[in-house]
Each structure stands twice: as structure tokens, then as C-alpha cells.
Protein backbone atom coordinates (compact mmCIF):
# COMPACT_ATOMS: atom_id res chain seq x y z
CA MET A 1 -0.04 0.09 0.17
CA ASN A 2 1.34 3.17 -0.56
CA LYS A 3 1.73 6.07 1.70
CA GLU A 4 -0.80 8.48 -0.41
CA ILE A 5 -3.80 5.69 0.07
CA LYS A 6 -2.80 5.24 3.83
CA ASP A 7 -2.73 8.74 4.71
CA ARG A 8 -6.18 8.92 3.76
CA LEU A 9 -7.85 6.13 5.29
CA ASP A 10 -6.27 7.65 8.48
CA LYS A 11 -8.03 10.99 7.47
CA LEU A 12 -11.15 9.15 7.37
CA GLU A 13 -10.60 7.17 10.27
CA ASN A 14 -10.04 10.54 12.32
CA GLU A 15 -13.22 12.32 10.82
CA LEU A 16 -15.23 9.05 11.72
CA LYS A 17 -14.77 9.34 15.29
CA GLU A 18 -14.86 13.12 15.50
CA SER A 19 -18.62 12.30 13.84
CA LYS A 20 -19.28 9.80 16.79
CA ASN A 21 -18.00 12.50 19.60
CA GLU A 22 -20.63 14.88 18.03
CA ILE A 23 -23.44 12.73 18.27
CA HIS A 24 -22.83 11.68 21.61
CA ASN A 25 -22.38 15.45 22.46
CA LEU A 26 -25.68 16.02 20.74
CA LYS A 27 -27.48 13.54 22.44
CA SER A 28 -26.32 14.57 25.85
CA SER A 29 -27.76 17.60 25.30
CA VAL A 30 -31.09 16.72 23.95
CA SER A 31 -31.40 14.61 27.17
CA LEU A 32 -30.49 17.69 29.49
CA THR A 33 -32.81 20.13 27.42
CA ILE A 34 -35.74 17.17 27.86
CA GLU A 35 -34.73 17.17 31.93
CA ARG A 36 -34.67 20.62 32.52
CA GLY A 37 -38.18 20.82 30.59
CA ILE A 38 -39.49 18.49 32.42
CA GLY A 39 -37.88 19.60 35.60
CA LYS A 40 -39.03 23.01 34.98
CA LEU A 41 -42.60 22.02 34.18
CA LEU A 42 -42.93 20.11 37.37
CA SER A 43 -41.31 22.67 39.57
CA ARG A 44 -44.66 24.61 38.59
CA PHE A 45 -46.93 22.01 40.87
CA THR A 46 -46.17 21.22 44.59
CA ARG A 47 -45.62 17.88 46.19
CA LYS A 48 -49.34 17.40 46.99
CA GLN A 49 -50.67 18.28 43.62
CA LEU A 50 -48.13 15.79 41.96
CA ILE A 51 -49.04 12.74 44.31
CA LEU A 52 -52.60 13.56 43.50
CA GLY A 53 -52.41 13.75 40.08
CA SER A 54 -50.83 10.42 40.17
CA VAL A 55 -53.79 8.57 41.79
CA ILE A 56 -55.89 10.23 39.72
CA ALA A 57 -54.01 8.87 36.64
CA LEU A 58 -53.73 5.60 37.72
CA PHE A 59 -57.80 5.53 38.49
CA LEU A 60 -58.47 6.20 35.27
CA ILE A 61 -56.16 3.53 33.77
CA SER A 62 -57.80 1.16 36.09
CA ILE A 63 -61.52 2.20 35.04
CA ILE A 64 -60.51 1.79 31.35
CA GLY A 65 -59.09 -1.79 31.99
CA ILE A 66 -62.56 -2.67 33.57
CA ALA A 67 -64.70 -1.06 31.49
CA GLY A 68 -63.31 -3.36 28.67
CA THR A 69 -64.75 -6.53 30.44
CA VAL A 70 -68.54 -5.47 31.55
CA THR A 71 -70.92 -7.67 29.59
CA LYS A 72 -73.94 -6.44 31.65
CA THR A 73 -75.93 -3.84 30.51
CA TYR A 74 -78.05 -1.32 33.08
CA THR A 75 -80.38 1.97 32.33
CA PHE A 76 -80.24 4.37 34.95
CA SER A 77 -83.79 6.26 35.70
CA SER A 78 -82.56 8.96 33.47
CA GLY A 79 -82.75 6.87 30.49
CA GLU A 80 -78.67 6.39 30.38
CA VAL A 81 -77.64 2.90 29.38
CA VAL A 82 -74.14 1.91 30.73
CA SER A 83 -72.57 -1.01 28.54
CA ALA A 84 -69.35 -2.66 28.21
CA SER A 85 -68.37 -6.24 27.33
CA LYS A 86 -67.55 -7.87 30.89
CA PHE A 87 -66.96 -7.15 34.22
CA ASN A 88 -65.70 -9.75 36.83
CA THR A 89 -67.55 -12.26 38.98
CA ASN A 90 -68.02 -10.48 41.66
CA PHE A 91 -70.08 -7.94 39.17
CA ASP A 92 -72.22 -10.87 37.76
CA THR A 93 -73.13 -12.12 41.43
CA LEU A 94 -74.07 -8.67 42.45
CA PHE A 95 -76.43 -7.97 39.26
CA THR A 96 -78.01 -11.57 39.73
CA LEU A 97 -78.88 -10.79 43.17
CA VAL A 98 -80.17 -7.26 42.53
CA ASN A 99 -82.41 -8.28 39.76
CA GLY A 100 -83.49 -11.71 41.55
CA ASN A 101 -84.83 -9.84 44.15
CA LEU A 102 -88.74 -9.56 43.92
CA ASP A 103 -90.69 -7.15 45.51
CA ASP A 104 -94.31 -5.25 44.91
CA SER A 105 -92.83 -3.09 41.80
CA ASN A 106 -91.36 -6.04 40.07
CA ILE A 107 -93.44 -8.78 40.60
CA SER A 108 -97.06 -7.01 39.30
CA GLY A 109 -98.50 -9.53 36.58
CA ILE A 110 -96.39 -12.51 37.33
CA SER A 111 -97.97 -15.54 36.10
CA GLY A 112 -99.21 -18.07 38.29
CA SER A 113 -97.30 -20.57 35.74
CA LYS A 114 -94.02 -19.52 36.93
CA ILE A 115 -94.55 -20.88 40.66
CA THR A 116 -93.80 -24.33 40.37
CA SER A 117 -92.66 -25.34 43.64
CA GLY A 118 -93.10 -24.33 47.40
CA THR A 119 -96.16 -23.32 49.32
CA VAL A 120 -98.35 -20.31 48.87
CA ALA A 121 -99.70 -19.01 52.63
CA ALA A 122 -103.40 -18.53 52.96
CA ALA A 123 -102.63 -14.63 53.53
CA ARG A 124 -101.04 -14.58 49.78
CA LEU A 125 -104.72 -15.54 48.44
CA ASP A 126 -106.92 -12.67 49.37
CA ASN A 127 -110.03 -12.74 47.76
CA LEU A 128 -109.08 -15.39 45.36
CA SER A 129 -111.66 -16.24 42.84
CA ALA A 130 -112.70 -19.62 42.05
CA SER A 131 -112.53 -18.87 38.40
CA MET A 132 -108.94 -18.75 38.63
CA ILE A 133 -108.51 -22.34 39.53
CA THR A 134 -108.84 -24.31 36.40
CA SER A 135 -107.04 -27.44 37.23
CA GLY A 136 -105.62 -29.78 39.81
CA THR A 137 -107.10 -31.35 42.95
CA ILE A 138 -108.47 -29.30 45.96
CA ASP A 139 -108.09 -31.18 49.37
CA GLY A 140 -111.08 -30.91 51.28
CA ALA A 141 -109.03 -29.42 54.03
CA ARG A 142 -108.66 -26.41 51.66
CA ILE A 143 -112.49 -25.83 51.56
CA ASP A 144 -113.31 -24.55 55.23
CA ASN A 145 -116.95 -23.67 55.82
CA VAL A 146 -117.83 -24.00 51.94
CA SER A 147 -121.43 -23.65 51.43
CA SER A 148 -123.41 -26.39 49.09
CA THR A 149 -125.12 -22.78 47.88
CA ALA A 150 -121.66 -21.94 46.53
CA ILE A 151 -121.79 -25.15 44.10
CA ASN A 152 -122.69 -24.86 40.76
CA TYR A 153 -124.14 -28.05 39.53
CA GLU A 154 -123.57 -28.54 35.47
CA GLY A 155 -125.21 -31.95 34.07
CA ILE A 156 -128.56 -33.52 34.32
CA PHE A 157 -131.08 -33.49 36.83
CA ILE A 158 -133.35 -36.67 37.40
CA PHE A 159 -136.63 -35.90 39.31
CA ASN A 160 -139.96 -37.37 39.63
CA THR A 161 -143.55 -36.89 39.96
CA TYR A 162 -143.97 -38.33 43.23
CA THR A 163 -146.21 -36.71 45.40
CA GLY A 164 -144.19 -36.28 48.60
CA ASN A 165 -143.88 -32.96 50.34
CA THR A 166 -145.26 -30.11 47.92
CA GLY A 167 -145.42 -27.47 50.16
CA TYR A 168 -142.25 -25.76 48.98
CA PHE A 169 -143.60 -25.69 45.29
CA GLU A 170 -144.03 -22.29 43.92
CA THR A 171 -146.88 -23.11 41.64
CA SER A 172 -149.06 -26.42 42.11
CA PRO A 173 -147.47 -29.44 40.54
CA GLY A 174 -150.81 -30.57 39.13
CA THR A 175 -151.14 -34.53 38.75
CA SER A 176 -148.90 -36.67 40.57
CA SER A 177 -149.31 -40.21 38.83
CA SER A 178 -151.09 -40.90 35.46
CA ARG A 179 -152.44 -43.37 33.29
CA GLY A 180 -150.94 -44.49 30.11
CA ASP A 181 -152.48 -41.85 28.11
CA LEU A 182 -150.11 -38.98 28.82
CA GLY A 183 -150.35 -37.15 25.56
CA GLY A 184 -147.61 -38.49 23.92
CA ARG A 185 -144.36 -36.41 24.06
CA SER A 186 -145.67 -32.98 24.53
CA GLY A 187 -148.02 -34.05 27.15
CA ALA A 188 -145.60 -35.86 29.45
CA ASP A 189 -143.20 -32.91 28.93
CA ALA A 190 -145.87 -30.58 30.50
CA ILE A 191 -146.37 -32.53 33.57
CA CYS A 192 -142.59 -32.86 34.00
CA ASN A 193 -142.59 -28.92 33.65
CA ASN A 194 -145.00 -28.66 36.77
CA TRP A 195 -142.80 -30.68 38.60
CA LYS A 196 -139.51 -29.01 37.84
CA TYR A 197 -139.60 -27.25 41.32
CA LYS A 198 -138.39 -30.45 43.04
CA VAL A 199 -135.05 -29.52 41.87
CA SER A 200 -133.78 -26.96 44.36
CA LYS A 201 -132.62 -23.59 42.83
CA HIS A 202 -129.56 -23.20 44.82
CA LEU A 203 -128.49 -26.47 43.48
CA SER A 204 -129.45 -25.75 39.63
CA THR A 205 -130.84 -23.23 37.63
CA CYS A 206 -131.64 -25.49 34.27
CA ASN A 207 -134.40 -24.30 32.26
CA ASN A 208 -134.91 -27.37 29.98
CA VAL A 209 -137.19 -30.15 31.26
CA ARG A 210 -138.13 -33.28 29.58
CA ALA A 211 -139.97 -36.52 30.48
CA MET A 212 -137.36 -39.56 30.78
CA ILE A 213 -139.35 -41.78 28.15
CA SER A 214 -139.48 -43.46 25.05
CA ILE A 215 -142.43 -42.57 23.01
CA ASP A 216 -141.74 -43.79 19.19
CA SER A 217 -138.80 -45.23 17.29
CA ASN A 218 -137.65 -41.93 16.43
CA ASP A 219 -138.21 -40.60 20.13
CA GLU A 220 -136.48 -42.85 22.21
CA ILE A 221 -134.39 -42.26 25.63
CA SER A 222 -131.33 -42.48 23.70
CA ASP A 223 -131.91 -40.52 21.13
CA MET A 224 -132.70 -37.45 23.46
CA PRO A 225 -128.83 -35.74 22.87
CA THR A 226 -129.67 -35.53 19.30
CA ASN A 227 -133.52 -34.85 19.46
CA TYR A 228 -133.49 -32.34 22.50
CA SER A 229 -129.84 -31.45 23.16
CA VAL A 230 -129.54 -32.95 26.31
CA PRO A 231 -126.01 -33.36 27.31
CA SER A 232 -123.88 -36.80 26.69
CA ASP A 233 -121.16 -35.82 28.45
CA LYS A 234 -122.15 -34.37 31.68
CA PRO A 235 -122.52 -36.01 35.17
CA VAL A 236 -126.45 -37.14 36.30
CA PHE A 237 -127.46 -36.07 39.63
CA ASN A 238 -130.57 -36.72 41.57
CA GLU A 239 -132.76 -33.73 42.81
CA SER A 240 -130.62 -33.75 46.09
CA GLY A 241 -127.39 -33.17 44.19
CA HIS A 242 -126.01 -36.56 44.56
CA VAL A 243 -124.19 -38.18 41.41
CA ILE A 244 -126.31 -41.15 40.14
CA ALA A 245 -124.09 -41.81 37.14
CA ASP A 246 -121.52 -40.44 35.05
CA ASN A 247 -123.50 -39.54 31.86
CA LEU A 248 -126.34 -40.22 30.37
CA THR A 249 -125.18 -43.40 28.32
CA HIS A 250 -124.02 -44.69 32.00
CA LEU A 251 -127.48 -43.84 33.45
CA VAL A 252 -129.46 -45.85 31.09
CA SER A 253 -126.59 -48.55 30.49
CA GLY A 254 -128.07 -51.16 32.82
CA ASN A 255 -125.00 -50.93 35.01
CA ASN A 256 -125.15 -50.18 38.23
CA LEU A 257 -125.54 -46.57 39.27
CA TYR A 258 -123.91 -44.71 42.21
CA THR A 259 -127.37 -44.36 43.98
CA ARG A 260 -131.06 -44.69 43.22
CA LEU A 261 -132.59 -42.43 40.72
CA THR A 262 -134.59 -40.43 43.02
CA THR A 263 -134.72 -39.93 46.70
CA ASP A 264 -138.38 -41.23 46.90
CA PRO A 265 -139.35 -44.05 48.83
CA GLU A 266 -138.40 -47.25 47.59
CA GLY A 267 -141.25 -49.17 45.13
CA GLY A 268 -142.41 -46.34 43.21
CA SER A 269 -143.35 -47.19 39.44
CA TYR A 270 -142.36 -44.89 36.28
CA TRP A 271 -143.62 -45.23 33.10
CA ILE A 272 -140.72 -45.31 30.38
CA GLY A 273 -141.42 -47.47 27.42
CA SER A 274 -137.92 -48.19 27.61
CA SER A 275 -135.50 -51.16 27.46
CA THR A 276 -131.86 -51.35 28.71
CA GLY A 277 -129.82 -48.86 26.62
CA GLY A 278 -132.75 -46.39 26.61
CA ALA A 279 -134.20 -48.13 23.37
CA LEU A 280 -138.24 -48.04 22.69
CA HIS A 281 -139.60 -50.99 24.43
CA SER A 282 -142.63 -52.86 22.58
CA ASN A 283 -144.54 -52.00 25.51
CA ASN A 284 -145.26 -48.21 25.34
CA CYS A 285 -149.08 -47.83 25.65
CA SER A 286 -149.39 -46.94 21.88
CA GLY A 287 -146.80 -43.99 22.21
CA PHE A 288 -148.05 -43.17 25.63
CA SER A 289 -151.47 -41.87 24.08
CA SER A 290 -153.60 -44.54 25.07
CA THR A 291 -155.12 -46.32 28.04
CA GLY A 292 -155.01 -49.29 26.03
CA GLY A 293 -152.51 -52.29 26.08
CA THR A 294 -149.33 -52.41 28.55
CA GLY A 295 -146.46 -49.93 29.34
CA GLN A 296 -143.05 -50.54 30.61
CA THR A 297 -142.03 -48.84 33.99
CA HIS A 298 -138.65 -48.42 36.13
CA GLU A 299 -138.87 -49.47 39.89
CA ASN A 300 -137.40 -46.97 42.11
CA GLN A 301 -136.01 -49.63 44.40
CA ASN A 302 -133.35 -50.65 41.77
CA TYR A 303 -130.05 -49.29 41.60
CA PHE A 304 -129.66 -49.54 38.03
CA PHE A 305 -131.99 -48.38 35.02
CA LYS A 306 -133.89 -51.34 33.53
CA ALA A 307 -137.60 -52.17 32.10
CA ALA A 308 -138.59 -53.68 35.50
CA ASN A 309 -142.45 -54.34 35.06
CA TYR A 310 -145.40 -53.94 32.71
CA PHE A 311 -148.48 -52.11 33.86
CA SER A 312 -151.61 -51.75 32.34
CA CYS A 313 -152.34 -48.64 30.56
CA ASN A 314 -155.08 -48.19 32.43
CA SER A 315 -152.98 -48.03 35.71
CA PHE A 316 -151.27 -45.18 37.56
CA ALA A 317 -147.48 -44.46 37.41
CA TYR A 318 -145.46 -41.77 38.29
CA LEU A 319 -143.20 -40.06 35.60
CA LEU A 320 -139.31 -39.61 35.84
CA CYS A 321 -138.29 -36.25 34.61
CA MET A 322 -134.62 -34.41 33.35
CA CYS A 323 -133.86 -30.86 33.99
CA TYR A 324 -130.48 -29.83 31.86
């Protein structure tokens, strides 16, 4: 290497060292300037102000961190809604406790279907209407002092024209027993209408009254649901409100009934003109319009509906009637 090149390299090396020194001096100068600036700025505040500022800054940083994890929303009374992504377990627990606490203001209008367990005290059922009880079984102990006048029977009431005590009738019941010439369907129904007061008004206010009798093949007891809208799916009661049968079909089936058809003394005979099942019997006093021939009867001593005996149509017997 010749001397000229070596001198030039030495010169460049010296210049590089000088540049590094200048850069170091410049950095030191800038750092000093910044430190002096910060020191000058901080010198304007007291020690107490500096500490308070630090606390506020840390609090703001914490709020920002928490707000980024809140998931519940809450609407204040002013209408303002606070919402974030998620808070923490304590916030979730607090939210559940506060919003799960029922009081008069937030339980209003709650559906009974939402109460699926526990016991409701009697004091919580003030003036409960029976119409609100639509299913289930009510234990007898839950019906303290209930009056029979409060029970609305819905079904068919069976009564008869047996004389008994007629002193309470609002109108004269008229004929008690009749020969077989009843006057057909219209005549038999008219007699029963005169005796409908045997069904006490506190049990039923039924208005439809028909004689329980078969007149001809088109007007049998079994035809009454179709001919006269007698309910076929309602229970059957006697005039005292005791259940006789589950429905009309059960009543005339010939199977055992829950009790006798009427509460009048045993042994009474009633024109029915029917056989078991409510069909027309051949003994029917010519559609119960004649005193000639024979007519089929039912006897009150039986605990089932049946054609017990047939009478001369010139004999006297009572009528079975139904109110529905």
C-alpha cells in the first residue's frame, strides 16, 4: 500500500471518530434539555399536587381496564344505558342478586305458571276467585266452611212426579201419577214442567225439562241428545245433588248406578216405555197416548235403569223427568 492511500484512510478514520463524538454530545445535550424542561414543568406544581395527579392517572387507567370486560347493561332512571363487554365474577353475582330480588314493583303481573314449587300461604290468596283455579285437585281441608249454595252443578238432574211434600212448590205441581194416555211427548213434558221445582234452585237453575221416556222409534231416551240437546258428556244428579251416573249413557246402560234415580221412597213405579240402553220397548201404551195395552215401567228400588215391570195402560204410575 503506498503512502498516499494510507494517509487518506487515516484521515477518514479520524473524521469518523469526530462524528461519533459530535453525535454523543448532541444526545447528551437533548437529554439535558428534556430533563430541564420536565424539571421546569414539574417545578410549577407542589408535592401534594403531583401525588394527587398520579393517583387520578392510576384510577383512570383502572377504569379503562375494567370497562373493557363488562357484559351487563343497566339503564338508569335518567334513561342512560351503561354497557361494556364484561366486568368480573363479583359484578355478575351482584347483578344476579339485585335483579333476582322480587318486590311489589317487579312482581306485578307475574303468571301463576311461573310458580312451580314451594307453598303459598293463605294470606297470599286474598279474595282469590274460584274461576282462577282451572286444574288440579283441591283437598277437602282447603275448602273450610264452603256452602253447598256456592257449588254450581252442571249436568242433568233427574226428578220425578212422586207427591211427597209439595208445600214448597211455587206453583201447584198438578197431577202426580197418570194413566198411560199421557198425551205423547208433549203431554209427558208438560207434566214434568209442572214438577221441575223438585230440583232446588240453589243446586241448579236448569230451564230445559223433558220426560225421561221413549215414545216411538224416532223419540227414544237414547235419541234425546240429538232430538233435545240433552248433554251426553255431563254427570247425572238426583234432585238432592247426589251423583247418579257419569253421563246419560251410563244412566241407561243397565250397569250399576252410584245411587237410586230419585230420593223418594223405594217401590215407586215410573212410565219409561224403554228397555236397557234407552231404546223403545214394545210395551209403550201406543206412544203413551192410550189407556189400552201395556206400558213398561222402572221401579225406584233398583240401583240400575231397567224395564222392571209392565203395567196396564189403564193403571197409574209416576214419571221420571230430567232438567238440564
